[in-house]
Structures are given as C-alpha cells and as structure tokens.
Protein backbone atom coordinates (compact mmCIF):
# COMPACT_ATOMS: atom_id res chain seq x y z
CA MET A 1 116.77 99.19 98.28
CA ILE A 2 119.00 101.76 99.95
CA ARG A 3 119.05 101.20 103.65
CA ARG A 4 117.83 104.35 105.69
CA TRP A 5 119.73 104.92 109.03
CA PHE A 6 117.88 106.40 112.00
CA ASP A 7 119.32 109.67 113.44
CA ASP A 8 117.76 110.41 116.85
CA SER A 9 119.24 114.00 116.75
CA ARG A 10 116.59 114.77 114.15
CA LEU A 11 113.87 114.33 116.92
CA GLU A 12 115.38 117.23 118.90
CA ALA A 13 115.72 119.64 115.90
CA ASP A 14 114.74 123.27 116.60
CA ASP A 15 112.16 123.31 113.73
CA LEU A 16 110.57 119.94 114.54
CA ALA A 17 107.38 121.70 115.55
CA ASP A 18 106.92 123.00 112.07
CA GLU A 19 106.40 119.41 110.55
CA GLU A 20 103.07 119.43 109.05
CA SER A 21 102.41 115.72 109.98
CA LEU A 22 102.85 116.57 113.56
CA TRP A 23 100.49 119.50 113.37
CA TRP A 24 97.87 117.18 111.87
CA LEU A 25 98.27 114.78 114.80
CA ALA A 26 98.10 117.56 117.38
CA SER A 27 94.73 118.80 115.87
CA ALA A 28 92.98 115.38 116.22
CA GLY A 29 91.01 116.33 119.15
CA ALA A 30 89.69 119.47 117.33
CA ARG A 31 88.69 117.43 114.39
CA ILE A 32 86.82 114.86 116.68
CA ARG A 33 84.91 117.83 118.19
CA ARG A 34 84.19 119.40 114.85
CA ALA A 35 82.79 116.20 113.28
CA ALA A 36 80.59 115.42 116.28
CA LEU A 37 79.31 118.97 116.69
CA SER A 38 78.45 119.47 112.98
CA GLU A 39 74.85 120.10 112.43
CA PRO A 40 73.37 117.15 110.59
CA ALA A 41 71.46 117.96 107.35
CA GLY A 42 68.08 116.16 107.51
CA ARG A 43 66.74 114.19 110.27
CA LEU A 44 65.94 110.58 111.04
CA THR A 45 62.14 110.64 110.46
CA ARG A 46 61.51 107.20 111.81
CA ALA A 47 61.83 106.60 115.45
CA ASP A 48 61.28 102.84 114.98
CA ARG A 49 64.12 100.44 115.76
CA PRO A 50 65.60 99.22 112.54
CA ARG A 51 65.60 95.51 111.60
CA GLY A 52 69.32 95.64 111.08
CA VAL A 53 72.21 98.04 110.75
CA LEU A 54 74.77 97.91 107.86
CA VAL A 55 77.89 100.08 107.94
CA LEU A 56 80.09 100.78 104.92
CA GLY A 57 83.43 102.53 104.39
CA ALA A 58 86.45 103.55 106.26
CA GLU A 59 86.52 102.60 109.97
CA ALA A 60 83.33 100.51 109.56
CA ARG A 61 85.14 97.76 111.64
CA LEU A 62 85.84 100.28 114.35
CA VAL A 63 82.10 101.12 114.54
CA ARG A 64 81.28 97.35 114.70
CA ALA A 65 83.86 96.80 117.44
CA VAL A 66 82.26 99.36 119.67
CA LEU A 67 78.59 98.68 118.72
CA GLU A 68 78.32 94.98 118.32
CA PRO A 69 78.34 94.01 122.11
CA ALA A 70 75.56 96.48 122.73
CA CYS A 71 73.48 96.91 119.57
CA PRO A 72 69.96 95.56 120.13
CA VAL A 73 69.59 94.58 116.40
CA PRO A 74 71.70 92.68 113.96
CA PHE A 75 74.78 94.64 112.90
CA MET A 76 77.27 94.18 110.07
CA ALA A 77 80.29 95.99 108.80
CA TRP A 78 80.06 95.47 104.99
CA PRO A 79 83.24 95.22 102.86
CA GLY A 80 81.50 95.52 99.55
CA PRO A 81 81.58 95.57 96.58
CA ALA A 82 77.79 95.49 96.37
CA LEU A 83 74.93 96.16 98.76
CA PRO A 84 73.47 92.87 100.35
CA ALA A 85 70.22 91.78 98.80
CA TRP A 86 68.41 91.83 102.14
CA VAL A 87 68.83 95.56 102.71
CA GLY A 88 65.40 97.31 102.40
CA PRO A 89 63.03 99.75 103.91
CA LEU A 90 63.28 98.31 107.42
CA ASP A 91 67.04 98.76 107.76
CA LEU A 92 69.59 101.48 108.59
CA VAL A 93 72.62 101.94 106.36
CA VAL A 94 75.48 103.98 107.66
CA ALA A 95 78.25 105.21 105.25
CA LEU A 96 81.58 106.69 106.35
CA GLY A 97 83.88 108.20 103.62
CA SER A 98 85.67 111.21 102.23
CA HIS A 99 86.13 112.75 98.94
CA ASP A 100 88.00 109.72 97.64
CA ALA A 101 85.42 107.18 98.74
CA PRO A 102 85.51 104.10 96.43
CA ALA A 103 82.97 103.85 93.66
CA TRP A 104 81.35 100.72 95.03
CA GLU A 105 80.52 102.61 98.36
CA VAL A 106 78.90 105.48 96.46
CA ARG A 107 76.91 103.11 94.25
CA GLY A 108 75.94 101.02 97.31
CA LEU A 109 74.72 104.09 99.14
CA ALA A 110 72.71 105.27 96.17
CA GLU A 111 71.17 101.85 96.02
CA ALA A 112 70.29 101.96 99.84
CA VAL A 113 68.41 105.18 99.13
CA ARG A 114 66.59 103.67 96.17
CA ARG A 115 65.42 100.80 98.19
CA GLY A 116 63.98 103.08 100.86
CA ALA A 117 66.34 102.33 103.67
CA THR A 118 67.01 104.80 106.39
CA VAL A 119 70.55 106.25 105.70
CA ILE A 120 73.27 108.08 107.71
CA ALA A 121 75.97 109.49 105.60
CA ALA A 122 79.12 110.74 107.39
CA ALA A 123 81.02 112.46 104.60
CA PRO A 124 82.34 115.85 103.66
CA ASP A 125 80.04 118.45 102.04
CA GLU A 126 80.03 118.35 98.24
CA SER A 127 81.48 114.83 98.18
CA ALA A 128 80.25 112.15 95.87
CA LEU A 129 79.06 110.18 98.93
CA ALA A 130 77.02 113.11 100.20
CA ALA A 131 75.38 113.57 96.83
CA ALA A 132 74.53 109.88 96.51
CA SER A 133 72.79 109.76 99.81
CA ALA A 134 70.26 112.55 99.15
CA GLY A 135 66.79 111.46 99.99
CA PRO A 136 63.87 111.92 102.40
CA LEU A 137 65.23 109.34 104.85
CA THR A 138 68.75 110.48 104.84
CA THR A 139 70.76 112.21 107.54
CA HIS A 140 74.04 113.83 106.32
CA LEU A 141 76.62 114.36 108.93
CA PRO A 142 79.38 116.66 107.61
CA THR A 143 82.73 115.44 108.58
CA PRO A 144 86.48 116.37 108.01
CA PRO A 145 87.67 115.19 104.62
CA ASP A 146 90.84 113.57 106.00
CA ASP A 147 90.17 111.83 109.37
CA PRO A 148 88.07 108.65 109.28
CA MET A 149 88.49 108.23 112.96
CA ALA A 150 86.78 111.63 113.72
CA ALA A 151 84.00 110.59 111.35
CA ALA A 152 83.56 107.18 113.06
CA ILE A 153 83.39 108.79 116.55
CA ALA A 154 80.68 111.21 115.30
CA VAL A 155 78.64 108.40 113.98
CA LEU A 156 79.17 106.30 117.15
CA ALA A 157 77.81 109.31 119.12
CA LEU A 158 74.68 109.69 116.92
CA LEU A 159 74.01 105.93 116.97
CA GLY A 160 74.25 106.07 120.82
CA GLN A 161 71.68 108.84 120.87
CA LEU A 162 69.44 106.52 118.75
CA GLU A 163 69.93 103.81 121.48
CA LEU A 164 71.62 101.53 118.89
CA GLY A 165 74.93 101.47 120.86
CA PRO A 166 76.63 102.65 124.01
CA LYS A 167 76.59 106.33 124.86
CA VAL A 168 79.82 107.96 123.44
CA ASP A 169 81.13 111.08 125.30
CA VAL A 170 82.75 112.96 122.37
CA GLU A 171 84.47 115.40 124.71
CA LEU A 172 86.18 112.66 126.51
CA ALA A 173 87.40 111.12 123.30
CA ALA A 174 88.74 114.55 122.09
CA SER A 175 90.36 115.07 125.49
CA ALA A 176 92.10 111.72 125.15
CA ALA A 177 93.51 112.91 121.77
CA ASP A 178 94.66 116.10 123.32
CA ALA A 179 96.38 114.32 126.18
CA VAL A 180 98.39 112.23 123.71
CA ALA A 181 99.35 115.47 121.88
CA VAL A 182 100.73 116.82 125.05
CA ARG A 183 102.73 113.71 125.92
CA CYS A 184 104.06 113.26 122.47
CA SER A 185 104.68 116.94 121.68
CA PRO A 186 107.82 117.70 119.70
CA ALA A 187 108.79 120.09 122.42
CA ARG A 188 109.15 117.14 124.85
CA PRO A 189 112.65 115.47 124.78
CA LEU A 190 113.56 111.85 124.33
CA GLY A 191 112.97 110.00 127.64
CA ASP A 192 109.91 111.96 128.42
CA ASN A 193 108.13 111.44 125.08
CA PRO A 194 106.41 108.10 124.49
CA GLY A 195 106.15 108.68 120.66
CA LYS A 196 109.84 109.50 120.30
CA ASP A 197 110.90 106.62 122.69
CA LEU A 198 108.89 104.12 120.64
CA ALA A 199 110.34 105.43 117.40
CA VAL A 200 113.80 104.87 118.77
CA GLY A 201 112.72 101.40 119.85
CA LEU A 202 111.61 100.49 116.36
CA ALA A 203 114.36 102.34 114.53
CA ASP A 204 116.43 99.31 113.31
CA SER A 205 113.59 96.81 112.90
CA PHE A 206 110.22 96.05 111.32
CA PRO A 207 107.38 95.74 113.74
CA LEU A 208 105.15 92.84 114.52
CA VAL A 209 102.00 94.51 116.06
CA TRP A 210 99.55 92.68 118.34
CA GLY A 211 96.57 94.16 120.02
CA GLY A 212 95.42 92.61 123.33
CA THR A 213 91.76 93.56 123.11
CA THR A 214 89.15 93.87 120.31
CA LEU A 215 89.59 97.57 119.83
CA ALA A 216 93.50 97.21 120.36
CA GLY A 217 93.48 94.65 117.49
CA ARG A 218 91.78 97.13 115.25
CA ALA A 219 94.22 99.86 116.24
CA SER A 220 97.13 97.45 115.60
CA ARG A 221 96.13 97.30 111.88
CA ARG A 222 95.88 101.14 111.60
CA ILE A 223 99.25 101.59 113.32
CA ALA A 224 100.95 98.98 111.08
CA GLU A 225 99.72 100.86 108.06
CA THR A 226 101.03 104.17 109.29
CA LEU A 227 104.49 102.54 110.13
CA ARG A 228 104.75 101.14 106.63
CA ARG A 229 104.17 104.43 105.16
CA ALA A 230 106.60 106.23 107.47
CA SER A 231 109.49 103.76 107.14
CA GLY A 232 109.04 102.06 103.83
CA ARG A 233 109.45 98.76 105.71
CA LEU A 234 107.37 95.75 106.41
CA ALA A 235 105.00 96.12 109.41
CA LEU A 236 102.67 93.27 110.20
CA ALA A 237 99.63 93.42 112.39
CA ALA A 238 98.13 89.90 113.00
CA ASP A 239 96.74 87.40 115.47
CA ALA A 240 98.97 85.83 117.98
CA GLU A 241 99.34 82.55 116.20
CA GLU A 242 100.63 84.32 113.04
CA LEU A 243 103.03 86.51 114.88
CA GLU A 244 104.32 83.37 116.77
CA ALA A 245 105.05 81.73 113.43
CA VAL A 246 107.14 84.71 112.33
CA LEU A 247 109.08 84.77 115.65
CA LEU A 248 109.73 81.02 115.45
CA ASP A 249 111.18 81.53 112.02
CA THR A 250 113.42 84.48 113.21
CA PRO A 251 117.09 83.41 113.66
CA ARG A 252 118.45 84.33 117.09
CA ARG A 253 120.07 87.69 117.00
CA ASP A 254 123.84 87.62 117.17
CA VAL A 255 124.81 90.26 119.74
CA PHE A 256 128.30 90.61 117.93
CA THR A 257 126.74 91.59 114.58
CA ASP A 258 127.50 95.17 113.62
CA PRO A 259 124.19 96.73 113.00
CA PHE A 260 125.80 99.45 110.81
CA GLU A 261 127.10 96.93 108.16
CA GLN A 262 125.38 97.78 104.91
CA ASP A 263 124.25 94.19 104.33
CA ALA A 264 123.03 93.61 107.98
CA GLU A 265 119.51 92.26 107.83
CA ILE A 266 116.65 94.28 109.59
CA GLY A 267 115.05 92.08 112.07
CA PRO A 268 111.64 92.15 113.67
CA ALA A 269 110.51 93.90 116.84
CA LEU A 270 107.31 93.00 118.74
CA LEU A 271 104.88 95.82 119.51
CA LEU A 272 102.25 94.92 122.11
CA LEU A 273 99.08 97.10 122.27
CA ASP A 274 97.25 97.05 125.72
CA ALA A 275 98.94 93.82 126.83
CA ASP A 276 98.12 95.06 130.32
CA GLN A 277 94.44 95.27 129.52
CA VAL A 278 93.69 91.91 128.20
CA PRO A 279 90.97 89.76 129.79
CA GLU A 280 92.25 86.80 131.81
CA PRO A 281 92.08 84.02 129.11
CA MET A 282 94.31 86.32 126.93
CA THR A 283 96.86 87.23 129.59
CA GLU A 284 98.98 84.17 128.87
CA THR A 285 98.93 84.96 125.10
CA ALA A 286 100.75 88.26 125.64
CA ARG A 287 103.20 86.67 128.09
CA ARG A 288 103.91 83.83 125.48
CA LEU A 289 104.60 86.27 122.72
CA ALA A 290 106.89 88.32 124.89
CA ARG A 291 108.85 85.12 126.03
CA LEU A 292 109.13 83.99 122.52
CA ALA A 293 110.55 87.33 121.37
CA ASP A 294 113.04 87.36 124.25
CA CYS A 295 114.16 83.91 123.39
CA VAL A 296 115.20 84.95 119.96
CA GLY A 297 116.56 88.36 120.92
CA VAL A 298 113.65 90.42 119.56
CA ARG A 299 112.96 93.78 121.25
CA VAL A 300 109.56 94.04 122.83
CA CYS A 301 107.84 97.46 122.84
CA HIS A 302 104.57 98.57 124.41
CA ILE A 303 101.73 100.99 123.85
CA SER A 304 99.17 101.24 126.67
CA SER A 305 95.89 103.17 126.70
CA GLY A 306 96.20 103.86 130.42
CA MET A 307 95.65 102.16 133.66
CA ALA A 308 92.67 99.85 133.72
CA GLU A 309 91.32 101.24 136.93
CA LEU A 310 90.90 104.69 135.38
CA GLY A 311 87.69 103.43 133.71
CA ALA A 312 88.28 105.01 130.26
CA SER A 313 85.64 104.05 127.54
CA ASP A 314 86.62 101.85 124.59
CA VAL A 315 86.51 104.84 122.31
CA GLU A 316 88.93 106.84 124.57
CA ARG A 317 91.32 103.80 124.64
CA TYR A 318 91.18 103.38 120.86
CA VAL A 319 92.05 107.10 120.39
CA THR A 320 94.95 106.89 122.86
CA LEU A 321 96.44 103.81 121.31
CA LEU A 322 96.01 104.88 117.63
CA LEU A 323 97.48 108.40 118.20
CA GLN A 324 100.47 107.08 120.22
CA GLY A 325 101.17 104.71 117.35
CA ARG A 326 100.88 107.42 114.78
CA TYR A 327 103.13 109.82 116.68
CA ALA A 328 105.71 107.02 116.85
CA ALA A 329 105.43 106.33 113.14
CA THR A 330 105.82 110.04 112.32
CA TYR A 331 108.93 110.35 114.56
CA LEU A 332 110.29 107.17 112.96
CA GLY A 333 109.86 108.72 109.53
CA ILE A 334 111.54 111.91 110.67
CA GLY A 335 114.52 110.01 112.21
CA LEU A 336 115.03 107.92 109.15
CA GLY A 337 114.92 111.08 106.96
CA PRO A 338 113.63 111.27 103.47
CA ALA A 339 113.74 108.11 101.22
CA GLN A 340 116.53 108.16 98.64
CA GLY A 341 115.88 107.26 95.12
C-alpha cells in the first residue's frame, strides 16, 4: 500500500468550501429538523402502553442508549437476522432505515405487521422499508435517505411524546449540529477550528477511540468508521481494556526516527471522547489510558461535547461529539489527498 502524506496546506485552500462532504456535514441541523418535523403518515391508534419495544436497523443502539434508562417497559435493540418469536400484538416495533435497508430488516418489519404489532417505520418515502410497514397499526415517519442520526432523533422525539422515553428537544439537537458547523467551518483557519486541529493531530497515526460515557461510546464507533473510510487506515473503537492491550503492545516511539521515511511505521494515537464528562468511577480509566499512552509516546487527542455545567441533553452531546469527529475525518481525508492506485 502506498503511504499517503498529509499536507495541511490543503485545509486552507480557497475552494475548500466547495467540498461536497463538508456541505453535507454543514446541513446536518437542517436534516434533523426536516426528519423530526415531517408529518407522519398514519397514527398510533392504540394509546395503551406496549408490553415491550423492539428497535431494528441503523442507529438502533443509539435509540437504546437514550431510551433504556427511562423506558417504562422492556426495550431491546435487535441485530437480526429474524424477528424474535415473542413479538406480537401487545408490542411496539420501531424500524430505522434507508433505501438500502438490509433484506432481513424489511422481512422482519413485514412479519411484525403480519403479527399485529404496532409499528413505527422511520424510512424514506417509496423505500422497501416503508412499503413493508404498510398496515392499520403503522406510523410511517418520512426521513432523509442518507442520515441515520437524523432519523433516530426523529424517532426519539416521537417516543418521548408517547411517554416511552425522555422528552427530546429537536431544535436543541439541530442547534448543536449548527454550532459544530460554525466552529468547524472550512472558512475557519487552523488553530481556531477543532475539526482541522484534530485532523492534524491524527495525520500520521491510526486512532484508538474511547468514549467516556454510554453515548460517547456509541459515537466512538461511528467516528472510527468515518476515520477508516477517510484515511484508508485502521481505526479502532473499543473498551478501555482492549485499548490498553494495544497500547501495552506498542513499542515506545523513537523521537529520532524520521517520520518521512517511506518504511516508517504508522503508530497509534489515542482519541478520548468526553473524558471530562465521565462519572466518578470511570475518571481513573480515562487517566490510566492517557498515562499509558504518554508512557509509550502516543499522542493523546480529545473531543468534548461541552462543559458539564451547561446541562446539555444526551442527544445534544451525541450530536456534538459525532459531528466533530466527522469533520475531523473529512479534513483528514482532504489533507491526505486522493488514494493512489
């Protein structure tokens, strides 16, 4: 594999604002509003509390992370590939998906309708998932075709209205996305742009990503996926014990090694998400990871969702973390330039 060298001058190019990937990130707030304000087709005809809630599809684990502490009934994020046998007329099945929803999810949703379960389908119009959910007990929530996060927030807002989870203020979540877009705007220079600064910090390494809270842990996996796509390098999101094992196996960095040698190995960098927000039992875990990284000469980078005393909701914090990570990944890909064959 040909090594790609990072050129930070590309992050100050005059035409940077024309990058399609940056436009997509900047419109995240608009997609959240559009998904949540879409008029549902059909209504939940039963006001009774369901026996249980099952969520299928993209970002099902995000919905679980927000709902599970407050949901008054059993809740499960289901990975497939078939619908559980216990799902029936007393249950609520929620499906999140897009035009490319996997076949098992489409089949599972159709089976939930056949069994008489109440269904919420958050999917684009004219998608296979929307067609499979058609039924008298179905609520179809039209969502953007390319943004599972926006669809999940719309579902969380609806479930909050049904008193199956915490109230979700969609406008605050969208405003959090807008705020990240302002801070990470391509017009902002290095040194005053957390997305560009983080890209520079990860330029010559592969990231080990750790989330300090439940939702930060979920965001860490999404950020690692985006970093892998942008850089073509390994990016690992895992629990602290697994990351410690990787760090312990990392040779101490030789400060005299020329990083521009063609055969120089790419080492890890530690990326901590919301390490300043972790509850007291986990504080020492974040410190231990940082100390271990420092001992072997591994750079430590941070993404924070904001000051704890600001009182942001879990959804706002998730949006802030995820979008900062995605901006950094996008700038990393721009700085590395196109992959060579």
